[in-house]
Amino acid sequence: MLQENEKIYSVSEITTIIKEILEANIGKIWIEGEISNLSIPASGHVYFTLKDEHNQVKVAFFRASQRKLGFELKEGQKIKVFGRISIYGKKSEYQIIAEQIENLGLGDLLLEFEKLKKKLEAEGLFDQAHKRPIPSFPNKIGVITSETGAALRDILHIVTRRYKNVEIQIYPVLVQGDEAAGQIITAINDMNEMAQADVLILARGGGSMEDLWAFNDEKLAHAIYESKIPVISAVGHQIDFTIADFVADLRAPTPSAAAELVVPDSGELYENIVSYRKRLESLLDNLVERYVEKLDRLEKSYAFKMPFEMYTEYLQKLDDLTLDMDRSITDKLKLTIDSVKALKEKLTILNPLNILKKGYAVVYDEKGSILKDASHAKPGDRIKAKLYKGEIKAIVNKKEEE
């Protein structure tokens, strides 16, 4: 029961009191843990959760204090933070206003992530040669994601706005927690067995490394690699990377980006078709114009106007060629006849019968060889004399040699 002089505090008043007590009694301290839920808005300020195995605390690292930071802050990174304890009044939660951050190395989750990444890379699961092309005009798109998440709403909105002639098959799964990876693997296998899609989208909104950890599962990596259907990984925000991103055939920085990558913009397609049609019409018009000009030149040409005159001209040329051919044949025949006559006269002169006709004879010995020398015959040899008409056979009685 409220006492007469008892003060009633507003929420803001009690929050201010607690803030003053924390800042006055604890002050500035060093605290270590792993980075989670890292966020860097356009202002350049950095916000994240610093956690250990059991608890977590919010950290605000304002841009003015980042001059001495010599490394890039990453999810899962183990760090040491120096700053003061305070309370963010709007949410009434305590936080550390960081003034200095030192790197203590990779956190356990990040170490596990890097280890699995190196293993799968060595096994060839990230090879570009294995990446399957994403169809340009898919008829069916399979979306594997939470049925209540914003990722699904974004994909449905963008796909239906850009390209209405496509069927979307939704396979609802958990996208966070111990059972998530198993459900996603089952979804990929079922989609492949039933051939229900031309391309698959694995989608989830942003979150911490723990939130996205289901997509770093080794068995899930193999399921993506072995999928016969091309897979687009759209997990988290642009700065988030998972094992699924490296194995997938295409990595989209966000679910919305995946929706834009998976289908063309029907409006742009229509504009391209109109543009191509105009270009084609222009090309056809130019082609028709050129052929009309060519036909006009033919109509005005001498050959088209005076075909009969050209015909008679070719007949005259044919007659001239025929006469030339006849003259050439006659001249060649005359030369051949004259040559034959001259050869005949030569053969007549050289004919041995004409010599015998003058009274000469050809004498042969017994073997039939012509006798040219009297010394080659001896008395008693039988000889034969060939005359112009007939032959004489005789026996040598005497020979006289010059």
Protein backbone atom coordinates (compact mmCIF):
# COMPACT_ATOMS: atom_id res chain seq x y z
CA MET A 1 0.00 0.00 0.00
CA LEU A 2 1.34 3.41 -0.95
CA GLN A 3 2.61 5.45 1.97
CA GLU A 4 1.75 9.11 2.26
CA ASN A 5 5.22 10.47 1.61
CA GLU A 6 6.41 7.62 -0.66
CA LYS A 7 7.69 8.85 -4.08
CA ILE A 8 6.34 7.44 -7.33
CA TYR A 9 8.99 7.17 -10.09
CA SER A 10 8.41 7.30 -13.83
CA VAL A 11 10.10 4.76 -16.07
CA SER A 12 12.49 7.40 -17.35
CA GLU A 13 13.39 8.49 -13.81
CA ILE A 14 14.21 4.99 -12.60
CA THR A 15 16.16 4.31 -15.77
CA THR A 16 18.21 7.46 -15.18
CA ILE A 17 18.90 6.44 -11.57
CA ILE A 18 20.07 2.98 -12.60
CA LYS A 19 22.24 4.51 -15.30
CA GLU A 20 23.91 6.86 -12.80
CA ILE A 21 24.50 4.00 -10.36
CA LEU A 22 26.09 1.79 -13.05
CA GLU A 23 28.29 4.55 -14.42
CA ALA A 24 29.35 5.73 -10.97
CA ASN A 25 30.10 2.32 -9.44
CA ILE A 26 31.48 0.36 -12.38
CA GLY A 27 32.85 3.04 -14.67
CA LYS A 28 35.14 2.00 -17.49
CA ILE A 29 36.11 -1.66 -17.82
CA TRP A 30 37.63 -4.23 -20.17
CA ILE A 31 35.33 -7.05 -21.30
CA GLU A 32 35.92 -9.86 -23.81
CA GLY A 33 33.68 -12.08 -25.91
CA GLU A 34 32.60 -12.91 -29.45
CA ILE A 35 30.91 -10.53 -31.88
CA SER A 36 27.35 -11.38 -32.83
CA ASN A 37 24.55 -9.48 -34.62
CA LEU A 38 27.05 -7.04 -36.13
CA SER A 39 25.33 -3.99 -37.66
CA ILE A 40 26.92 -1.01 -39.43
CA PRO A 41 24.26 1.54 -40.55
CA ALA A 42 24.89 4.43 -42.94
CA SER A 43 25.97 6.66 -40.02
CA GLY A 44 29.17 4.63 -39.69
CA HIS A 45 28.52 3.77 -36.03
CA VAL A 46 28.93 0.07 -35.16
CA TYR A 47 26.50 -1.94 -33.04
CA PHE A 48 26.89 -5.55 -32.01
CA THR A 49 26.34 -8.07 -29.24
CA LEU A 50 29.31 -9.28 -27.23
CA LYS A 51 28.63 -12.80 -25.97
CA ASP A 52 30.16 -15.79 -24.25
CA GLU A 53 28.73 -19.28 -23.67
CA HIS A 54 26.01 -18.09 -21.26
CA ASN A 55 25.32 -14.35 -21.51
CA GLN A 56 25.54 -11.35 -23.78
CA VAL A 57 25.75 -7.57 -23.65
CA LYS A 58 25.07 -4.86 -26.22
CA VAL A 59 27.96 -2.72 -27.48
CA ALA A 60 27.83 0.65 -29.21
CA PHE A 61 31.05 1.71 -30.98
CA PHE A 62 30.60 5.24 -32.27
CA ARG A 63 32.38 6.53 -35.35
CA ALA A 64 34.49 9.09 -33.49
CA SER A 65 36.13 6.30 -31.42
CA GLN A 66 37.02 4.13 -34.42
CA ARG A 67 40.19 5.97 -35.46
CA LYS A 68 42.46 3.61 -33.53
CA LEU A 69 40.77 0.44 -34.82
CA GLY A 70 43.33 -1.34 -37.02
CA PHE A 71 41.23 -4.28 -38.24
CA GLU A 72 37.79 -5.10 -39.64
CA LEU A 73 35.12 -6.30 -37.25
CA LYS A 74 33.47 -9.59 -38.30
CA GLU A 75 30.79 -11.93 -37.04
CA GLY A 76 32.16 -14.56 -34.64
CA GLN A 77 35.36 -12.62 -34.00
CA LYS A 78 36.77 -12.76 -30.51
CA ILE A 79 37.61 -9.30 -29.19
CA LYS A 80 38.39 -7.29 -26.06
CA VAL A 81 36.36 -4.09 -25.53
CA PHE A 82 37.27 -1.12 -23.32
CA GLY A 83 34.44 1.24 -22.47
CA ARG A 84 31.94 2.45 -19.93
CA ILE A 85 28.76 0.76 -18.76
CA SER A 86 25.63 2.73 -19.59
CA ILE A 87 21.93 2.30 -20.26
CA TYR A 88 20.19 3.03 -23.53
CA GLY A 89 17.05 4.74 -22.23
CA LYS A 90 14.80 3.97 -25.18
CA LYS A 91 15.09 0.22 -24.65
CA SER A 92 16.03 0.37 -20.95
CA GLU A 93 18.86 -2.10 -21.52
CA TYR A 94 22.39 -1.76 -20.34
CA GLN A 95 25.21 -1.56 -22.85
CA ILE A 96 28.88 -0.74 -23.22
CA ILE A 97 29.91 2.46 -24.95
CA ALA A 98 33.15 1.21 -26.54
CA GLU A 99 36.19 3.48 -26.69
CA GLN A 100 38.77 0.89 -27.74
CA ILE A 101 38.60 -2.61 -29.26
CA GLU A 102 41.40 -5.14 -29.56
CA ASN A 103 41.37 -8.28 -31.66
CA LEU A 104 41.78 -11.55 -29.74
CA GLY A 105 41.45 -13.76 -32.82
CA LEU A 106 38.71 -15.83 -34.36
CA GLY A 107 35.81 -17.01 -32.27
CA ASP A 108 34.84 -20.67 -32.00
CA LEU A 109 32.06 -20.44 -34.58
CA LEU A 110 34.23 -18.53 -37.02
CA LEU A 111 37.06 -21.03 -36.57
CA GLU A 112 34.64 -23.87 -37.28
CA PHE A 113 33.33 -22.01 -40.32
CA GLU A 114 36.84 -21.45 -41.75
CA LYS A 115 37.81 -25.07 -41.11
CA LEU A 116 34.75 -26.43 -42.95
CA LYS A 117 35.20 -23.92 -45.76
CA LYS A 118 38.78 -25.07 -46.40
CA LYS A 119 37.74 -28.74 -46.28
CA LEU A 120 34.90 -28.36 -48.79
CA GLU A 121 37.00 -26.16 -51.04
CA ALA A 122 39.68 -28.87 -51.14
CA GLU A 123 36.99 -31.43 -52.04
CA GLY A 124 35.99 -29.31 -55.06
CA LEU A 125 32.51 -28.27 -53.87
CA PHE A 126 33.20 -24.63 -54.73
CA ASP A 127 34.63 -25.26 -58.23
CA GLN A 128 33.29 -22.88 -60.87
CA ALA A 129 33.33 -25.68 -63.45
CA HIS A 130 30.52 -27.41 -61.52
CA LYS A 131 28.30 -24.32 -61.39
CA ARG A 132 25.11 -24.83 -63.40
CA PRO A 133 23.64 -21.93 -65.41
CA ILE A 134 20.48 -20.34 -64.06
CA PRO A 135 17.67 -20.57 -66.67
CA SER A 136 16.83 -17.20 -68.23
CA PHE A 137 13.09 -17.87 -68.41
CA PRO A 138 12.11 -20.41 -65.71
CA ASN A 139 8.59 -21.87 -65.75
CA LYS A 140 8.72 -23.06 -62.12
CA ILE A 141 10.68 -21.62 -59.21
CA GLY A 142 11.11 -23.54 -55.97
CA VAL A 143 11.49 -21.39 -52.84
CA ILE A 144 12.83 -23.12 -49.74
CA THR A 145 12.39 -20.84 -46.73
CA SER A 146 10.26 -20.06 -43.71
CA GLU A 147 6.62 -19.57 -44.66
CA THR A 148 6.28 -16.78 -42.08
CA GLY A 149 9.47 -14.85 -42.83
CA ALA A 150 9.86 -11.55 -44.63
CA ALA A 151 12.17 -13.25 -47.16
CA LEU A 152 9.26 -15.18 -48.68
CA ARG A 153 7.07 -12.08 -48.87
CA ASP A 154 9.82 -10.13 -50.60
CA ILE A 155 10.44 -12.90 -53.14
CA LEU A 156 6.76 -13.37 -53.97
CA HIS A 157 6.21 -9.63 -54.31
CA ILE A 158 9.19 -9.01 -56.60
CA VAL A 159 8.80 -12.12 -58.78
CA THR A 160 5.08 -11.57 -59.43
CA ARG A 161 5.71 -7.90 -60.16
CA ARG A 162 8.56 -8.57 -62.60
CA TYR A 163 7.38 -11.73 -64.36
CA LYS A 164 3.83 -13.03 -63.96
CA ASN A 165 4.18 -16.07 -66.24
CA VAL A 166 5.93 -18.25 -63.67
CA GLU A 167 4.79 -20.81 -61.11
CA ILE A 168 6.24 -20.59 -57.59
CA GLN A 169 6.49 -23.77 -55.50
CA ILE A 170 6.97 -22.98 -51.78
CA TYR A 171 8.59 -25.59 -49.56
CA PRO A 172 8.30 -24.31 -45.94
CA VAL A 173 11.21 -25.16 -43.64
CA LEU A 174 12.84 -23.95 -40.46
CA VAL A 175 15.71 -21.59 -41.26
CA GLN A 176 17.19 -21.42 -37.76
CA GLY A 177 17.92 -23.92 -35.04
CA ASP A 178 19.11 -27.52 -34.74
CA GLU A 179 16.46 -28.99 -37.05
CA ALA A 180 16.76 -26.38 -39.80
CA ALA A 181 19.60 -27.94 -41.81
CA GLY A 182 17.88 -31.34 -41.93
CA GLN A 183 14.62 -29.82 -43.16
CA ILE A 184 16.40 -27.82 -45.87
CA ILE A 185 18.24 -30.96 -47.06
CA THR A 186 14.93 -32.85 -47.25
CA ALA A 187 13.38 -29.99 -49.22
CA ILE A 188 16.21 -29.98 -51.78
CA ASN A 189 16.02 -33.77 -52.21
CA ASP A 190 12.21 -33.76 -52.53
CA MET A 191 12.28 -30.98 -55.10
CA ASN A 192 14.84 -32.93 -57.16
CA GLU A 193 12.96 -36.23 -56.94
CA MET A 194 9.66 -34.66 -58.01
CA ALA A 195 11.33 -32.32 -60.55
CA GLN A 196 9.04 -29.55 -59.32
CA ALA A 197 11.21 -26.59 -60.30
CA ASP A 198 13.63 -25.26 -62.91
CA VAL A 199 15.60 -23.40 -60.22
CA LEU A 200 15.69 -23.40 -56.41
CA ILE A 201 16.09 -20.43 -54.06
CA LEU A 202 17.35 -21.00 -50.50
CA ALA A 203 16.26 -17.87 -48.65
CA ARG A 204 16.53 -16.38 -45.19
CA GLY A 205 16.66 -12.85 -43.82
CA GLY A 206 19.64 -11.42 -41.98
CA GLY A 207 20.87 -12.36 -38.55
CA SER A 208 23.88 -13.23 -36.45
CA MET A 209 26.27 -16.04 -37.30
CA GLU A 210 24.37 -18.26 -34.87
CA ASP A 211 21.08 -17.42 -36.60
CA LEU A 212 22.52 -18.35 -40.01
CA TRP A 213 24.45 -21.38 -38.78
CA ALA A 214 22.05 -23.93 -40.34
CA PHE A 215 23.37 -22.84 -43.76
CA ASN A 216 26.92 -23.78 -42.70
CA ASP A 217 26.02 -27.47 -42.38
CA GLU A 218 28.35 -29.90 -44.22
CA LYS A 219 25.54 -32.27 -45.24
CA LEU A 220 23.56 -29.35 -46.60
CA ALA A 221 26.60 -28.31 -48.66
CA HIS A 222 26.69 -31.77 -50.28
CA ALA A 223 22.93 -31.68 -50.92
CA ILE A 224 23.31 -28.37 -52.77
CA TYR A 225 26.30 -29.69 -54.72
CA GLU A 226 24.47 -32.88 -55.76
CA SER A 227 21.22 -31.11 -56.71
CA LYS A 228 20.28 -31.58 -60.35
CA ILE A 229 18.29 -28.35 -60.16
CA PRO A 230 20.37 -25.11 -60.11
CA VAL A 231 20.43 -23.50 -56.66
CA ILE A 232 20.51 -19.80 -55.75
CA SER A 233 21.63 -19.03 -52.20
CA ALA A 234 19.99 -15.90 -50.76
CA VAL A 235 20.85 -16.03 -47.08
CA GLY A 236 21.19 -12.98 -44.85
CA HIS A 237 22.35 -9.55 -45.93
CA GLN A 238 25.07 -8.53 -48.36
CA ILE A 239 27.79 -8.73 -45.70
CA ASP A 240 26.74 -12.23 -44.59
CA PHE A 241 28.45 -15.28 -46.10
CA THR A 242 27.61 -18.93 -45.47
CA ILE A 243 28.91 -22.23 -46.80
CA ALA A 244 25.70 -22.50 -48.85
CA ASP A 245 26.74 -19.32 -50.70
CA PHE A 246 30.02 -20.87 -51.84
CA VAL A 247 28.48 -24.19 -52.97
CA ALA A 248 25.39 -22.76 -54.68
CA ASP A 249 25.36 -22.12 -58.43
CA LEU A 250 24.66 -18.44 -57.75
CA ARG A 251 24.91 -16.32 -54.61
CA ALA A 252 22.43 -13.46 -54.18
CA PRO A 253 23.26 -10.82 -51.54
CA THR A 254 19.65 -10.78 -50.27
CA PRO A 255 16.37 -12.66 -50.91
CA SER A 256 15.08 -9.60 -52.79
CA ALA A 257 18.15 -9.66 -55.03
CA ALA A 258 17.55 -13.37 -55.70
CA ALA A 259 14.03 -12.58 -56.88
CA GLU A 260 15.42 -10.00 -59.30
CA LEU A 261 18.11 -12.39 -60.56
CA VAL A 262 15.86 -15.42 -61.08
CA VAL A 263 13.36 -13.82 -63.47
CA PRO A 264 13.62 -11.10 -66.11
CA ASP A 265 11.62 -7.89 -65.92
CA SER A 266 8.65 -8.34 -68.27
CA GLY A 267 8.47 -4.56 -68.74
CA GLU A 268 12.08 -4.45 -69.92
CA LEU A 269 11.46 -7.49 -72.13
CA TYR A 270 8.52 -5.74 -73.76
CA GLU A 271 10.55 -2.60 -74.34
CA ASN A 272 13.36 -4.70 -75.87
CA ILE A 273 10.91 -6.51 -78.14
CA VAL A 274 9.44 -3.18 -79.30
CA SER A 275 12.95 -1.85 -79.91
CA TYR A 276 13.99 -4.98 -81.84
CA ARG A 277 10.76 -4.81 -83.88
CA LYS A 278 11.46 -1.21 -84.87
CA ARG A 279 15.03 -2.09 -85.84
CA LEU A 280 13.82 -5.07 -87.87
CA GLU A 281 11.19 -2.96 -89.64
CA SER A 282 13.83 -0.35 -90.45
CA LEU A 283 16.19 -3.01 -91.82
CA LEU A 284 13.41 -4.53 -93.94
CA ASP A 285 12.41 -1.10 -95.26
CA ASN A 286 16.01 -0.39 -96.27
CA LEU A 287 16.32 -3.81 -97.89
CA VAL A 288 13.08 -3.37 -99.88
CA GLU A 289 14.19 0.11 -100.92
CA ARG A 290 17.53 -1.23 -102.23
CA TYR A 291 15.80 -3.97 -104.25
CA VAL A 292 13.28 -1.48 -105.65
CA GLU A 293 16.18 0.72 -106.80
CA LYS A 294 17.91 -2.32 -108.32
CA LEU A 295 14.73 -3.34 -110.16
CA ASP A 296 14.31 0.20 -111.43
CA ARG A 297 17.87 0.15 -112.82
CA LEU A 298 17.15 -3.16 -114.54
CA GLU A 299 13.97 -1.79 -116.10
CA LYS A 300 15.93 1.13 -117.53
CA SER A 301 18.84 -1.01 -118.74
CA TYR A 302 19.47 -1.75 -122.48
CA ALA A 303 19.13 -5.50 -121.95
CA PHE A 304 15.66 -5.14 -120.45
CA LYS A 305 14.47 -2.62 -123.04
CA MET A 306 15.92 -4.24 -126.22
CA PRO A 307 16.05 -8.01 -125.65
CA PHE A 308 15.46 -8.87 -129.35
CA GLU A 309 18.33 -6.66 -130.49
CA MET A 310 20.62 -8.40 -128.07
CA TYR A 311 19.39 -11.77 -129.39
CA THR A 312 20.17 -10.88 -133.02
CA GLU A 313 23.54 -9.53 -131.99
CA TYR A 314 24.43 -12.84 -130.35
CA LEU A 315 23.21 -14.70 -133.51
CA GLN A 316 25.56 -12.61 -135.64
CA LYS A 317 28.45 -13.30 -133.28
CA LEU A 318 27.64 -17.02 -133.54
CA ASP A 319 27.73 -16.86 -137.37
CA ASP A 320 31.10 -15.09 -137.25
CA LEU A 321 32.51 -17.74 -134.97
CA THR A 322 31.15 -20.53 -137.23
CA LEU A 323 32.82 -19.00 -140.31
CA ASP A 324 36.09 -18.59 -138.44
CA MET A 325 35.92 -22.23 -137.39
CA ASP A 326 35.24 -23.45 -140.96
CA ARG A 327 38.19 -21.45 -142.32
CA SER A 328 40.46 -22.80 -139.62
CA ILE A 329 39.42 -26.42 -140.38
CA THR A 330 39.92 -25.94 -144.16
CA ASP A 331 43.36 -24.37 -143.73
CA LYS A 332 44.43 -27.10 -141.33
CA LEU A 333 43.20 -29.85 -143.71
CA LYS A 334 45.07 -28.33 -146.69
CA LEU A 335 48.30 -28.17 -144.72
CA THR A 336 47.87 -31.81 -143.70
CA ILE A 337 47.28 -32.96 -147.32
CA ASP A 338 50.35 -31.07 -148.59
CA SER A 339 52.45 -32.63 -145.86
CA VAL A 340 51.26 -36.14 -146.80
CA LYS A 341 52.09 -35.56 -150.48
CA ALA A 342 55.62 -34.40 -149.66
CA LEU A 343 56.17 -37.44 -147.45
CA LYS A 344 54.93 -39.74 -150.21
CA GLU A 345 57.39 -38.27 -152.69
CA LYS A 346 60.24 -38.82 -150.25
CA LEU A 347 59.23 -42.44 -149.72
CA THR A 348 59.02 -43.03 -153.48
CA ILE A 349 62.52 -41.71 -153.99
CA LEU A 350 63.92 -43.88 -151.23
CA ASN A 351 62.12 -47.08 -152.40
CA PRO A 352 64.84 -49.73 -153.21
CA LEU A 353 62.69 -51.20 -156.03
CA ASN A 354 63.18 -48.04 -158.03
CA ILE A 355 66.94 -48.57 -157.81
CA LEU A 356 66.63 -52.20 -158.94
CA LYS A 357 64.51 -51.03 -161.86
CA LYS A 358 67.59 -49.28 -163.23
CA GLY A 359 69.40 -52.67 -163.56
CA TYR A 360 70.94 -53.08 -160.19
CA ALA A 361 70.65 -56.25 -158.09
CA VAL A 362 70.96 -57.20 -154.43
CA VAL A 363 73.18 -60.28 -153.76
CA TYR A 364 72.58 -62.54 -150.69
CA ASP A 365 74.83 -65.33 -149.32
CA GLU A 366 73.59 -68.72 -148.21
CA LYS A 367 72.54 -67.32 -144.83
CA GLY A 368 70.44 -64.59 -146.42
CA SER A 369 72.81 -61.77 -145.54
CA ILE A 370 73.48 -59.11 -148.16
CA LEU A 371 76.93 -59.39 -149.75
CA LYS A 372 78.63 -56.03 -149.96
CA ASP A 373 82.22 -57.24 -150.36
CA ALA A 374 83.52 -59.91 -152.82
CA SER A 375 86.03 -61.05 -150.24
CA HIS A 376 83.13 -62.42 -148.18
CA ALA A 377 82.41 -65.09 -150.85
CA LYS A 378 84.55 -67.98 -152.05
CA PRO A 379 84.32 -70.35 -155.01
CA GLY A 380 81.62 -72.93 -154.57
CA ASP A 381 79.36 -70.69 -152.37
CA ARG A 382 75.74 -70.55 -153.30
CA ILE A 383 74.46 -67.05 -153.77
CA LYS A 384 71.16 -65.41 -154.74
CA ALA A 385 70.66 -62.19 -156.72
CA LYS A 386 67.48 -60.14 -156.24
CA LEU A 387 66.53 -58.31 -159.43
CA TYR A 388 63.75 -55.80 -160.13
CA LYS A 389 61.74 -58.74 -161.34
CA GLY A 390 62.56 -62.16 -159.93
CA GLU A 391 65.68 -63.79 -158.46
CA ILE A 392 68.74 -65.66 -159.80
CA LYS A 393 70.48 -68.44 -157.87
CA ALA A 394 74.12 -69.19 -158.77
CA ILE A 395 77.37 -70.84 -157.62
CA VAL A 396 80.54 -68.76 -157.34
CA ASN A 397 83.25 -69.91 -159.78
CA LYS A 398 85.66 -67.11 -159.36
CA LYS A 399 85.90 -63.87 -157.45
CA GLU A 400 87.82 -60.76 -158.18
CA GLU A 401 88.68 -58.29 -155.48
CA GLU A 402 89.70 -54.71 -155.99
